[in-house]
């Protein structure tokens, strides 16, 4: 058999390999782990059914879910060599910017003697810590969900996965435990907690995502 014929025979029927994706099952495990962590470590709020009927609770969950979703999109793009990450970065920045704007408007329209309480709430000193605590349970499955990807910037990809972890954890924490729902509180202290998870993820990514 001629060489050309051999090559043609070997190449016959070959199909392009499907692009690698984040593992949805592991991400579901991260979400479930966050719920379990909140329930066992922090406790579920009394009258949870009434809490979940409040629109402000769902707006808080929508924000943190949006952070997680944008960060997972960024993680996916960052895990494909040469892929453009600008769109998910813009989406992530827009979500944070909208929350900060909403929080600022809320403070401006609040009476001066009530603004500090509106911003700090009762739990500002422990909010970020609790998000990181829950993130510690979600971080392993979230990072493992990206094991089929090929990030060329491990620290950047680790940051994206860390923000995703923080967003997942913050959603469980906010929906099940945290009593704060003002836009100013969420935009400040939730964002800082998720950002801290992102920074820790960036450090971890330098080692865990090298290939």
N, C-alpha and C. Protein backbone atom coordinates (compact mmCIF):
# COMPACT_ATOMS: atom_id res chain seq x y z
N UNK A 1 0.85 -1.20 0.00
CA UNK A 1 0.00 0.00 0.00
C UNK A 1 0.89 1.25 0.00
N UNK A 2 0.53 2.18 -0.83
CA UNK A 2 1.27 3.43 -0.89
C UNK A 2 1.02 4.26 0.38
N UNK A 3 1.98 5.13 0.67
CA UNK A 3 1.87 5.95 1.89
C UNK A 3 0.62 6.81 1.87
N UNK A 4 0.34 7.43 0.70
CA UNK A 4 -0.84 8.29 0.60
C UNK A 4 -2.11 7.50 0.84
N UNK A 5 -2.17 6.28 0.30
CA UNK A 5 -3.34 5.46 0.50
C UNK A 5 -3.51 5.08 1.97
N UNK A 6 -2.38 4.80 2.65
CA UNK A 6 -2.43 4.46 4.06
C UNK A 6 -2.96 5.63 4.88
N UNK A 7 -2.49 6.83 4.57
CA UNK A 7 -2.94 8.02 5.30
C UNK A 7 -4.43 8.24 5.08
N UNK A 8 -4.89 8.08 3.85
CA UNK A 8 -6.31 8.24 3.54
C UNK A 8 -7.16 7.23 4.29
N UNK A 9 -6.65 6.00 4.38
CA UNK A 9 -7.39 4.94 5.07
C UNK A 9 -7.49 5.23 6.56
N UNK A 10 -6.39 5.71 7.14
CA UNK A 10 -6.40 6.01 8.57
C UNK A 10 -7.29 7.20 8.90
N UNK A 11 -7.36 8.15 7.96
CA UNK A 11 -8.13 9.37 8.20
C UNK A 11 -9.60 9.21 7.89
N UNK A 12 -9.97 8.12 7.25
CA UNK A 12 -11.37 7.93 6.83
C UNK A 12 -12.28 7.86 8.06
N UNK A 13 -13.34 8.63 8.01
CA UNK A 13 -14.33 8.59 9.07
C UNK A 13 -13.99 9.37 10.32
N UNK A 14 -12.85 10.02 10.34
CA UNK A 14 -12.49 10.80 11.52
C UNK A 14 -13.37 12.05 11.63
N UNK A 15 -13.79 12.36 12.86
CA UNK A 15 -14.60 13.54 13.11
C UNK A 15 -13.86 14.45 14.09
N UNK A 16 -14.05 15.76 13.98
CA UNK A 16 -13.41 16.66 14.94
C UNK A 16 -13.85 16.33 16.36
N UNK A 17 -12.93 16.39 17.29
CA UNK A 17 -13.26 16.13 18.69
C UNK A 17 -14.13 17.27 19.22
N UNK A 18 -15.19 16.94 19.96
CA UNK A 18 -16.03 18.00 20.52
C UNK A 18 -15.25 18.84 21.51
N UNK A 19 -15.51 20.14 21.58
CA UNK A 19 -14.77 20.99 22.51
C UNK A 19 -15.04 20.59 23.96
N UNK A 20 -14.02 20.63 24.78
CA UNK A 20 -14.16 20.30 26.20
C UNK A 20 -15.05 21.34 26.88
N UNK A 21 -15.80 20.89 27.87
CA UNK A 21 -16.69 21.78 28.59
C UNK A 21 -16.54 21.56 30.08
N UNK A 22 -17.10 22.48 30.85
CA UNK A 22 -17.16 22.30 32.28
C UNK A 22 -18.09 21.14 32.60
N UNK A 23 -17.76 20.39 33.62
CA UNK A 23 -18.55 19.22 34.00
C UNK A 23 -19.77 19.67 34.81
N UNK A 24 -20.94 19.52 34.22
CA UNK A 24 -22.17 19.99 34.86
C UNK A 24 -22.48 19.21 36.14
N UNK A 25 -22.16 17.92 36.14
CA UNK A 25 -22.44 17.11 37.33
C UNK A 25 -21.62 17.58 38.53
N UNK A 26 -20.36 17.90 38.30
CA UNK A 26 -19.51 18.39 39.39
C UNK A 26 -19.96 19.77 39.86
N UNK A 27 -20.43 20.60 38.94
CA UNK A 27 -20.96 21.90 39.35
C UNK A 27 -22.22 21.74 40.18
N UNK A 28 -23.05 20.76 39.82
CA UNK A 28 -24.23 20.46 40.63
C UNK A 28 -23.82 19.99 42.02
N UNK A 29 -22.74 19.22 42.09
CA UNK A 29 -22.22 18.78 43.39
C UNK A 29 -21.74 19.97 44.21
N UNK A 30 -21.13 20.96 43.55
CA UNK A 30 -20.70 22.17 44.25
C UNK A 30 -21.89 22.91 44.85
N UNK A 31 -22.97 23.02 44.07
CA UNK A 31 -24.17 23.69 44.56
C UNK A 31 -24.80 22.92 45.72
N UNK A 32 -24.89 21.59 45.56
CA UNK A 32 -25.46 20.77 46.63
C UNK A 32 -24.60 20.83 47.88
N UNK A 33 -23.28 20.79 47.70
CA UNK A 33 -22.38 20.89 48.84
C UNK A 33 -22.53 22.21 49.57
N UNK A 34 -22.77 23.30 48.83
CA UNK A 34 -22.97 24.60 49.45
C UNK A 34 -24.24 24.62 50.30
N UNK A 35 -25.28 24.01 49.78
CA UNK A 35 -26.54 23.93 50.54
C UNK A 35 -26.34 23.14 51.83
N UNK A 36 -25.66 22.01 51.71
CA UNK A 36 -25.39 21.18 52.90
C UNK A 36 -24.51 21.94 53.89
N UNK A 37 -23.50 22.64 53.40
CA UNK A 37 -22.60 23.39 54.28
C UNK A 37 -23.36 24.47 55.05
N UNK A 38 -24.21 25.21 54.35
CA UNK A 38 -24.99 26.24 55.03
C UNK A 38 -25.89 25.61 56.09
N UNK A 39 -26.54 24.52 55.72
CA UNK A 39 -27.48 23.88 56.63
C UNK A 39 -26.79 23.36 57.89
N UNK A 40 -25.64 22.71 57.72
CA UNK A 40 -24.97 22.07 58.86
C UNK A 40 -24.10 23.04 59.65
N UNK A 41 -23.42 23.96 58.95
CA UNK A 41 -22.46 24.82 59.63
C UNK A 41 -23.06 26.13 60.14
N UNK A 42 -24.04 26.66 59.42
CA UNK A 42 -24.59 27.97 59.77
C UNK A 42 -26.04 27.90 60.22
N UNK A 43 -26.78 26.97 59.67
CA UNK A 43 -28.18 26.83 60.02
C UNK A 43 -29.09 27.56 59.05
N UNK A 44 -30.29 27.04 58.92
CA UNK A 44 -31.29 27.62 58.02
C UNK A 44 -32.16 28.61 58.79
N UNK A 45 -32.49 29.69 58.17
CA UNK A 45 -33.31 30.73 58.81
C UNK A 45 -34.68 30.18 59.21
N UNK A 46 -35.20 30.64 60.35
CA UNK A 46 -36.58 30.27 60.71
C UNK A 46 -37.56 30.81 59.67
N UNK A 47 -38.69 30.14 59.56
CA UNK A 47 -39.74 30.56 58.62
C UNK A 47 -39.17 30.75 57.22
N UNK A 48 -38.42 29.75 56.76
CA UNK A 48 -37.75 29.86 55.46
C UNK A 48 -38.74 30.05 54.32
N UNK A 49 -39.90 29.42 54.41
CA UNK A 49 -40.90 29.56 53.35
C UNK A 49 -41.32 31.01 53.18
N UNK A 50 -41.49 31.73 54.30
CA UNK A 50 -41.85 33.15 54.22
C UNK A 50 -40.70 33.96 53.64
N UNK A 51 -39.47 33.62 54.03
CA UNK A 51 -38.29 34.32 53.52
C UNK A 51 -38.19 34.17 52.00
N UNK A 52 -38.43 32.95 51.53
CA UNK A 52 -38.30 32.68 50.10
C UNK A 52 -39.44 33.26 49.28
N UNK A 53 -40.46 33.74 49.94
CA UNK A 53 -41.55 34.39 49.22
C UNK A 53 -41.30 35.88 49.01
N UNK A 54 -40.20 36.37 49.59
CA UNK A 54 -39.88 37.80 49.48
C UNK A 54 -39.14 38.09 48.17
N UNK A 55 -39.58 39.09 47.41
CA UNK A 55 -38.87 39.43 46.16
C UNK A 55 -37.43 39.85 46.40
N UNK A 56 -37.14 40.49 47.54
CA UNK A 56 -35.77 40.94 47.79
C UNK A 56 -34.82 39.76 47.97
N UNK A 57 -35.33 38.68 48.53
CA UNK A 57 -34.50 37.48 48.67
C UNK A 57 -34.13 36.92 47.30
N UNK A 58 -35.09 36.91 46.41
CA UNK A 58 -34.83 36.38 45.07
C UNK A 58 -33.95 37.32 44.25
N UNK A 59 -34.05 38.62 44.48
CA UNK A 59 -33.16 39.55 43.80
C UNK A 59 -31.72 39.33 44.26
N UNK A 60 -31.55 39.08 45.55
CA UNK A 60 -30.22 38.77 46.08
C UNK A 60 -29.69 37.49 45.44
N UNK A 61 -30.54 36.48 45.35
CA UNK A 61 -30.12 35.22 44.72
C UNK A 61 -29.84 35.39 43.24
N UNK A 62 -30.61 36.26 42.59
CA UNK A 62 -30.38 36.51 41.17
C UNK A 62 -29.01 37.14 40.95
N UNK A 63 -28.62 38.04 41.83
CA UNK A 63 -27.30 38.68 41.70
C UNK A 63 -26.18 37.67 41.86
N UNK A 64 -26.22 36.88 42.91
CA UNK A 64 -25.13 35.93 43.15
C UNK A 64 -25.11 34.81 42.10
N UNK A 65 -26.28 34.42 41.64
CA UNK A 65 -26.34 33.43 40.55
C UNK A 65 -25.76 34.02 39.28
N UNK A 66 -26.04 35.29 39.03
CA UNK A 66 -25.47 35.96 37.86
C UNK A 66 -23.96 36.02 37.93
N UNK A 67 -23.42 36.30 39.12
CA UNK A 67 -21.97 36.29 39.29
C UNK A 67 -21.40 34.90 38.97
N UNK A 68 -22.04 33.88 39.52
CA UNK A 68 -21.55 32.52 39.28
C UNK A 68 -21.63 32.16 37.80
N UNK A 69 -22.74 32.50 37.16
CA UNK A 69 -22.91 32.17 35.75
C UNK A 69 -21.90 32.87 34.86
N UNK A 70 -21.69 34.17 35.09
CA UNK A 70 -20.71 34.91 34.29
C UNK A 70 -19.30 34.38 34.53
N UNK A 71 -19.00 34.03 35.78
CA UNK A 71 -17.66 33.51 36.09
C UNK A 71 -17.45 32.13 35.48
N UNK A 72 -18.48 31.31 35.43
CA UNK A 72 -18.35 30.00 34.78
C UNK A 72 -18.15 30.16 33.27
N UNK A 73 -18.84 31.10 32.68
CA UNK A 73 -18.63 31.41 31.26
C UNK A 73 -17.19 31.85 31.04
N UNK A 74 -16.71 32.72 31.93
CA UNK A 74 -15.32 33.17 31.84
C UNK A 74 -14.36 31.99 32.02
N UNK A 75 -14.65 31.10 32.95
CA UNK A 75 -13.81 29.92 33.17
C UNK A 75 -13.73 29.05 31.93
N UNK A 76 -14.87 28.87 31.28
CA UNK A 76 -14.91 28.06 30.06
C UNK A 76 -14.08 28.69 28.95
N UNK A 77 -14.23 30.00 28.77
CA UNK A 77 -13.48 30.67 27.72
C UNK A 77 -11.98 30.71 28.05
N UNK A 78 -11.66 30.93 29.33
CA UNK A 78 -10.26 30.99 29.73
C UNK A 78 -9.58 29.63 29.62
N UNK A 79 -10.37 28.56 29.61
CA UNK A 79 -9.83 27.21 29.51
C UNK A 79 -9.64 26.73 28.10
N UNK A 80 -9.89 27.58 27.12
CA UNK A 80 -9.69 27.22 25.71
C UNK A 80 -8.60 28.12 25.14
N UNK A 81 -7.45 27.57 24.84
CA UNK A 81 -6.34 28.40 24.34
C UNK A 81 -6.76 29.26 23.16
N UNK A 82 -6.47 30.55 23.26
CA UNK A 82 -6.77 31.47 22.17
C UNK A 82 -8.18 32.01 22.18
N UNK A 83 -9.04 31.55 23.07
CA UNK A 83 -10.43 32.02 23.10
C UNK A 83 -10.49 33.44 23.64
N UNK A 84 -11.43 34.21 23.14
CA UNK A 84 -11.62 35.60 23.55
C UNK A 84 -12.41 35.63 24.86
N UNK A 85 -11.87 36.25 25.89
CA UNK A 85 -12.54 36.30 27.19
C UNK A 85 -13.20 37.66 27.46
N UNK A 86 -13.21 38.53 26.47
CA UNK A 86 -13.73 39.87 26.73
C UNK A 86 -15.22 39.89 27.04
N UNK A 87 -16.01 39.11 26.32
CA UNK A 87 -17.46 39.13 26.54
C UNK A 87 -17.83 38.69 27.96
N UNK A 88 -17.33 37.56 28.46
CA UNK A 88 -17.68 37.21 29.83
C UNK A 88 -17.12 38.18 30.87
N UNK A 89 -15.97 38.78 30.60
CA UNK A 89 -15.43 39.78 31.52
C UNK A 89 -16.35 41.00 31.58
N UNK A 90 -16.84 41.43 30.41
CA UNK A 90 -17.77 42.56 30.37
C UNK A 90 -19.06 42.21 31.10
N UNK A 91 -19.54 40.99 30.90
CA UNK A 91 -20.77 40.56 31.57
C UNK A 91 -20.59 40.56 33.09
N UNK A 92 -19.46 40.03 33.54
CA UNK A 92 -19.19 40.00 34.97
C UNK A 92 -19.09 41.40 35.54
N UNK A 93 -18.37 42.28 34.84
CA UNK A 93 -18.26 43.66 35.30
C UNK A 93 -19.59 44.39 35.29
N UNK A 94 -20.42 44.11 34.29
CA UNK A 94 -21.73 44.76 34.20
C UNK A 94 -22.64 44.34 35.35
N UNK A 95 -22.59 43.06 35.71
CA UNK A 95 -23.41 42.57 36.82
C UNK A 95 -23.01 43.26 38.12
N UNK A 96 -21.69 43.33 38.38
CA UNK A 96 -21.22 43.99 39.59
C UNK A 96 -21.54 45.48 39.55
N UNK A 97 -21.31 46.12 38.41
CA UNK A 97 -21.58 47.55 38.28
C UNK A 97 -23.04 47.88 38.51
N UNK A 98 -23.95 47.05 37.97
CA UNK A 98 -25.38 47.29 38.15
C UNK A 98 -25.76 47.16 39.62
N UNK A 99 -25.18 46.16 40.30
CA UNK A 99 -25.48 45.99 41.73
C UNK A 99 -24.98 47.18 42.53
N UNK A 100 -23.77 47.66 42.23
CA UNK A 100 -23.22 48.81 42.95
C UNK A 100 -24.06 50.06 42.70
N UNK A 101 -24.51 50.23 41.46
CA UNK A 101 -25.35 51.38 41.13
C UNK A 101 -26.67 51.31 41.89
N UNK A 102 -27.27 50.14 41.91
CA UNK A 102 -28.53 49.94 42.63
C UNK A 102 -28.34 50.23 44.12
N UNK A 103 -27.24 49.74 44.68
CA UNK A 103 -26.96 49.99 46.08
C UNK A 103 -26.76 51.47 46.37
N UNK A 104 -26.07 52.16 45.47
CA UNK A 104 -25.84 53.59 45.66
C UNK A 104 -27.14 54.37 45.61
N UNK A 105 -27.99 54.04 44.67
CA UNK A 105 -29.30 54.71 44.57
C UNK A 105 -30.12 54.47 45.83
N UNK A 106 -30.06 53.24 46.33
CA UNK A 106 -30.80 52.92 47.55
C UNK A 106 -30.32 53.77 48.73
N UNK A 107 -29.00 53.91 48.85
CA UNK A 107 -28.46 54.72 49.95
C UNK A 107 -28.82 56.19 49.79
N UNK A 108 -28.75 56.68 48.56
CA UNK A 108 -29.06 58.09 48.32
C UNK A 108 -30.51 58.41 48.68
N UNK A 109 -31.40 57.48 48.41
CA UNK A 109 -32.82 57.71 48.66
C UNK A 109 -33.24 57.31 50.08
N UNK A 110 -32.30 56.86 50.89
CA UNK A 110 -32.58 56.51 52.28
C UNK A 110 -32.30 57.70 53.18
N UNK A 111 -33.09 57.87 54.21
CA UNK A 111 -32.87 58.97 55.16
C UNK A 111 -31.46 58.89 55.73
N UNK A 112 -30.85 60.07 55.93
CA UNK A 112 -29.45 60.13 56.34
C UNK A 112 -29.13 59.34 57.59
N UNK A 113 -30.02 59.36 58.59
CA UNK A 113 -29.74 58.67 59.84
C UNK A 113 -29.93 57.16 59.73
N UNK A 114 -30.42 56.67 58.59
CA UNK A 114 -30.65 55.24 58.41
C UNK A 114 -29.67 54.61 57.42
N UNK A 115 -28.84 55.44 56.79
CA UNK A 115 -27.98 54.93 55.73
C UNK A 115 -26.95 53.93 56.23
N UNK A 116 -26.33 54.24 57.36
CA UNK A 116 -25.29 53.35 57.87
C UNK A 116 -25.87 51.97 58.20
N UNK A 117 -27.03 51.95 58.82
CA UNK A 117 -27.68 50.68 59.14
C UNK A 117 -28.07 49.93 57.86
N UNK A 118 -28.49 50.68 56.85
CA UNK A 118 -28.87 50.07 55.57
C UNK A 118 -27.66 49.43 54.91
N UNK A 119 -26.51 50.05 55.04
CA UNK A 119 -25.29 49.57 54.40
C UNK A 119 -24.63 48.43 55.17
N UNK A 120 -24.54 48.59 56.49
CA UNK A 120 -23.83 47.59 57.30
C UNK A 120 -24.72 46.44 57.74
N UNK A 121 -26.02 46.69 57.85
CA UNK A 121 -26.89 45.65 58.36
C UNK A 121 -26.47 45.22 59.77
N UNK A 122 -26.70 43.94 60.07
CA UNK A 122 -26.29 43.41 61.38
C UNK A 122 -25.14 42.41 61.25
N UNK A 123 -24.80 42.04 60.01
CA UNK A 123 -23.86 40.92 59.85
C UNK A 123 -22.70 41.25 58.91
N UNK A 124 -22.38 42.53 58.73
CA UNK A 124 -21.36 42.87 57.75
C UNK A 124 -19.99 42.32 58.14
N UNK A 125 -19.75 42.14 59.43
CA UNK A 125 -18.44 41.66 59.86
C UNK A 125 -18.23 40.17 59.59
N UNK A 126 -19.31 39.43 59.38
CA UNK A 126 -19.18 37.97 59.19
C UNK A 126 -19.65 37.51 57.81
N UNK A 127 -20.19 38.42 57.01
CA UNK A 127 -20.74 38.02 55.72
C UNK A 127 -19.67 37.40 54.81
N UNK A 128 -18.58 38.12 54.59
CA UNK A 128 -17.52 37.60 53.72
C UNK A 128 -16.92 36.32 54.26
N UNK A 129 -16.74 36.26 55.58
CA UNK A 129 -16.19 35.06 56.20
C UNK A 129 -17.08 33.85 55.95
N UNK A 130 -18.39 34.05 56.09
CA UNK A 130 -19.32 32.93 55.88
C UNK A 130 -19.33 32.47 54.43
N UNK A 131 -19.24 33.41 53.50
CA UNK A 131 -19.20 33.04 52.08
C UNK A 131 -17.94 32.22 51.80
N UNK A 132 -16.82 32.61 52.39
CA UNK A 132 -15.59 31.85 52.20
C UNK A 132 -15.69 30.48 52.86
N UNK A 133 -16.35 30.40 54.00
CA UNK A 133 -16.52 29.12 54.69
C UNK A 133 -17.29 28.14 53.82
N UNK A 134 -18.37 28.61 53.23
CA UNK A 134 -19.17 27.74 52.36
C UNK A 134 -18.41 27.45 51.07
N UNK A 135 -17.65 28.43 50.59
CA UNK A 135 -16.85 28.23 49.38
C UNK A 135 -15.84 27.10 49.55
N UNK A 136 -15.34 26.91 50.77
CA UNK A 136 -14.36 25.87 51.02
C UNK A 136 -14.92 24.48 50.71
N UNK A 137 -16.23 24.34 50.81
CA UNK A 137 -16.86 23.06 50.49
C UNK A 137 -17.08 22.93 48.98
N UNK A 138 -17.38 24.06 48.32
CA UNK A 138 -17.71 24.03 46.89
C UNK A 138 -16.49 24.10 45.98
N UNK A 139 -15.34 24.48 46.51
CA UNK A 139 -14.21 24.79 45.63
C UNK A 139 -13.65 23.56 44.92
N UNK A 140 -13.58 22.41 45.59
CA UNK A 140 -12.98 21.24 44.96
C UNK A 140 -13.79 20.76 43.75
N UNK A 141 -15.11 20.54 43.88
CA UNK A 141 -15.85 20.13 42.68
C UNK A 141 -15.87 21.19 41.59
N UNK A 142 -15.84 22.48 41.97
CA UNK A 142 -15.83 23.52 40.95
C UNK A 142 -14.54 23.49 40.15
N UNK A 143 -13.41 23.36 40.82
CA UNK A 143 -12.13 23.28 40.12
C UNK A 143 -12.04 21.99 39.30
N UNK A 144 -12.53 20.89 39.86
CA UNK A 144 -12.48 19.62 39.13
C UNK A 144 -13.36 19.66 37.87
N UNK A 145 -14.40 20.50 37.89
CA UNK A 145 -15.28 20.59 36.73
C UNK A 145 -14.54 21.11 35.50
N UNK A 146 -13.38 21.76 35.72
CA UNK A 146 -12.61 22.34 34.61
C UNK A 146 -11.42 21.47 34.22
N UNK A 147 -11.37 20.25 34.71
CA UNK A 147 -10.16 19.45 34.49
C UNK A 147 -9.97 19.04 33.04
N UNK A 148 -11.00 19.09 32.21
CA UNK A 148 -10.86 18.75 30.79
C UNK A 148 -10.45 19.95 29.94
N UNK A 149 -10.42 21.12 30.55
CA UNK A 149 -10.03 22.32 29.82
C UNK A 149 -8.51 22.46 29.82
N UNK A 150 -8.03 23.43 29.07
CA UNK A 150 -6.57 23.61 28.93
C UNK A 150 -6.22 25.08 29.09
N UNK A 151 -6.33 25.61 30.32
CA UNK A 151 -6.03 27.04 30.52
C UNK A 151 -4.56 27.35 30.30
N UNK A 152 -4.31 28.42 29.59
CA UNK A 152 -2.93 28.87 29.38
C UNK A 152 -2.52 29.92 30.40
N UNK A 153 -3.47 30.45 31.14
CA UNK A 153 -3.20 31.41 32.21
C UNK A 153 -3.82 30.85 33.50
N UNK A 154 -3.10 29.99 34.19
CA UNK A 154 -3.69 29.30 35.35
C UNK A 154 -4.22 30.23 36.43
N UNK A 155 -3.51 31.31 36.72
CA UNK A 155 -3.97 32.23 37.76
C UNK A 155 -5.27 32.91 37.35
N UNK A 156 -5.36 33.33 36.10
CA UNK A 156 -6.58 33.97 35.60
C UNK A 156 -7.75 32.99 35.63
N UNK A 157 -7.51 31.77 35.16
CA UNK A 157 -8.56 30.75 35.19
C UNK A 157 -8.94 30.42 36.63
N UNK A 158 -7.95 30.37 37.52
CA UNK A 158 -8.25 30.12 38.92
C UNK A 158 -9.09 31.22 39.53
N UNK A 159 -8.83 32.47 39.14
CA UNK A 159 -9.66 33.59 39.61
C UNK A 159 -11.11 33.40 39.16
N UNK A 160 -11.29 33.06 37.88
CA UNK A 160 -12.64 32.87 37.36
C UNK A 160 -13.36 31.74 38.09
N UNK A 161 -12.67 30.63 38.32
CA UNK A 161 -13.28 29.51 39.04
C UNK A 161 -13.52 29.87 40.50
N UNK A 162 -12.65 30.69 41.08
CA UNK A 162 -12.86 31.14 42.45
C UNK A 162 -14.09 32.02 42.57
N UNK A 163 -14.27 32.93 41.63
CA UNK A 163 -15.47 33.78 41.64
C UNK A 163 -16.72 32.92 41.45
N UNK A 164 -16.64 31.93 40.56
CA UNK A 164 -17.77 31.03 40.37
C UNK A 164 -18.09 30.29 41.67
N UNK A 165 -17.04 29.81 42.35
CA UNK A 165 -17.24 29.13 43.63
C UNK A 165 -17.89 30.07 44.64
N UNK A 166 -17.37 31.29 44.71
CA UNK A 166 -17.94 32.26 45.63
C UNK A 166 -19.38 32.59 45.31
N UNK A 167 -19.70 32.70 44.02
CA UNK A 167 -21.08 32.98 43.63
C UNK A 167 -22.03 31.85 43.99
N UNK A 168 -21.58 30.61 43.79
CA UNK A 168 -22.39 29.45 44.17
C UNK A 168 -22.61 29.43 45.68
N UNK A 169 -21.52 29.63 46.43
CA UNK A 169 -21.62 29.63 47.89
C UNK A 169 -22.49 30.78 48.40
N UNK A 170 -22.32 31.96 47.81
CA UNK A 170 -23.09 33.12 48.24
C UNK A 170 -24.58 32.94 47.96
N UNK A 171 -24.91 32.24 46.90
CA UNK A 171 -26.32 31.99 46.60
C UNK A 171 -26.95 31.12 47.67
N UNK A 172 -26.28 30.03 48.03
CA UNK A 172 -26.80 29.16 49.09
C UNK A 172 -26.88 29.91 50.42
N UNK A 173 -25.83 30.65 50.73
CA UNK A 173 -25.78 31.41 51.98
C UNK A 173 -26.89 32.47 52.04
N UNK A 174 -27.06 33.20 50.93
CA UNK A 174 -28.04 34.28 50.91
C UNK A 174 -29.47 33.79 50.94
N UNK A 175 -29.74 32.68 50.27
CA UNK A 175 -31.10 32.19 50.20
C UNK A 175 -31.53 31.46 51.47
N UNK A 176 -30.59 30.79 52.12
CA UNK A 176 -30.95 29.92 53.23
C UNK A 176 -30.66 30.50 54.62
N UNK A 177 -29.67 31.37 54.73
CA UNK A 177 -29.24 31.78 56.07
C UNK A 177 -29.23 33.28 56.31
N UNK A 178 -28.66 34.05 55.40
CA UNK A 178 -28.40 35.47 55.66
C UNK A 178 -29.69 36.28 55.78
N UNK A 179 -29.83 37.10 56.84
CA UNK A 179 -31.04 37.90 57.00
C UNK A 179 -31.02 39.23 56.26
N UNK A 180 -29.89 39.57 55.65
CA UNK A 180 -29.75 40.87 55.00
C UNK A 180 -30.20 40.79 53.54
N UNK A 181 -30.95 41.81 53.11
CA UNK A 181 -31.42 41.81 51.72
C UNK A 181 -31.36 43.17 51.05
N UNK A 182 -30.82 44.19 51.73
CA UNK A 182 -30.76 45.50 51.09
C UNK A 182 -29.73 45.47 49.96
N UNK A 183 -30.00 46.24 48.94
CA UNK A 183 -29.10 46.27 47.78
C UNK A 183 -27.73 46.78 48.17
N UNK A 184 -27.67 47.77 49.06
CA UNK A 184 -26.38 48.32 49.47
C UNK A 184 -25.54 47.28 50.20
N UNK A 185 -26.17 46.50 51.06
CA UNK A 185 -25.44 45.46 51.79
C UNK A 185 -24.94 44.40 50.82
N UNK A 186 -25.81 43.88 50.00
CA UNK A 186 -25.45 42.80 49.08
C UNK A 186 -24.37 43.25 48.10
N UNK A 187 -24.55 44.45 47.54
CA UNK A 187 -23.58 44.95 46.55
C UNK A 187 -22.20 45.13 47.15
N UNK A 188 -22.14 45.42 48.45
CA UNK A 188 -20.83 45.64 49.09
C UNK A 188 -20.25 44.36 49.66
N UNK A 189 -20.94 43.76 50.62
CA UNK A 189 -20.33 42.69 51.40
C UNK A 189 -20.37 41.34 50.70
N UNK A 190 -21.42 41.08 49.94
CA UNK A 190 -21.44 39.85 49.14
C UNK A 190 -20.37 39.93 48.05
N UNK A 191 -20.28 41.09 47.42
CA UNK A 191 -19.29 41.24 46.35
C UNK A 191 -17.88 41.06 46.89
N UNK A 192 -17.60 41.62 48.06
CA UNK A 192 -16.27 41.46 48.64
C UNK A 192 -15.99 40.00 48.99
N UNK A 193 -16.99 39.30 49.50
CA UNK A 193 -16.80 37.89 49.82
C UNK A 193 -16.51 37.06 48.58
N UNK A 194 -17.25 37.32 47.52
CA UNK A 194 -17.04 36.58 46.26
C UNK A 194 -15.68 36.95 45.66
N UNK A 195 -15.32 38.24 45.73
CA UNK A 195 -14.02 38.67 45.21
C UNK A 195 -12.88 38.01 45.98
N UNK A 196 -13.03 37.87 47.30
CA UNK A 196 -12.01 37.20 48.09
C UNK A 196 -11.86 35.74 47.66
N UNK A 197 -12.98 35.09 47.36
CA UNK A 197 -12.91 33.71 46.85
C UNK A 197 -12.18 33.68 45.51
N UNK A 198 -12.39 34.71 44.69
CA UNK A 198 -11.69 34.79 43.41
C UNK A 198 -10.20 34.94 43.58
N UNK A 199 -9.77 35.77 44.54
CA UNK A 199 -8.34 35.96 44.76
C UNK A 199 -7.69 34.67 45.29
N UNK A 200 -8.38 33.99 46.18
CA UNK A 200 -7.85 32.71 46.65
C UNK A 200 -7.78 31.70 45.51
N UNK A 201 -8.79 31.73 44.64
CA UNK A 201 -8.78 30.85 43.47
C UNK A 201 -7.63 31.15 42.53
N UNK A 202 -7.28 32.44 42.40
CA UNK A 202 -6.16 32.81 41.53
C UNK A 202 -4.86 32.22 42.05
N UNK A 203 -4.67 32.27 43.36
CA UNK A 203 -3.46 31.68 43.96
C UNK A 203 -3.47 30.17 43.78
N UNK A 204 -4.61 29.54 44.05
CA UNK A 204 -4.70 28.08 43.90
C UNK A 204 -4.52 27.66 42.44
N UNK A 205 -5.06 28.48 41.53
CA UNK A 205 -4.99 28.13 40.11
C UNK A 205 -3.57 28.05 39.58
N UNK A 206 -2.67 28.82 40.15
CA UNK A 206 -1.27 28.80 39.71
C UNK A 206 -0.65 27.41 39.88
N UNK A 207 -1.18 26.66 40.83
CA UNK A 207 -0.64 25.32 41.09
C UNK A 207 -1.59 24.22 40.60
N UNK A 208 -2.91 24.41 40.84
CA UNK A 208 -3.85 23.35 40.52
C UNK A 208 -4.17 23.24 39.05
N UNK A 209 -3.97 24.31 38.28
CA UNK A 209 -4.37 24.30 36.87
C UNK A 209 -3.19 24.27 35.91
N UNK A 210 -1.99 24.08 36.42
CA UNK A 210 -0.84 23.98 35.53
C UNK A 210 -0.88 22.66 34.77
N UNK A 211 -0.37 22.71 33.53
CA UNK A 211 -0.34 21.48 32.73
C UNK A 211 0.84 21.54 31.77
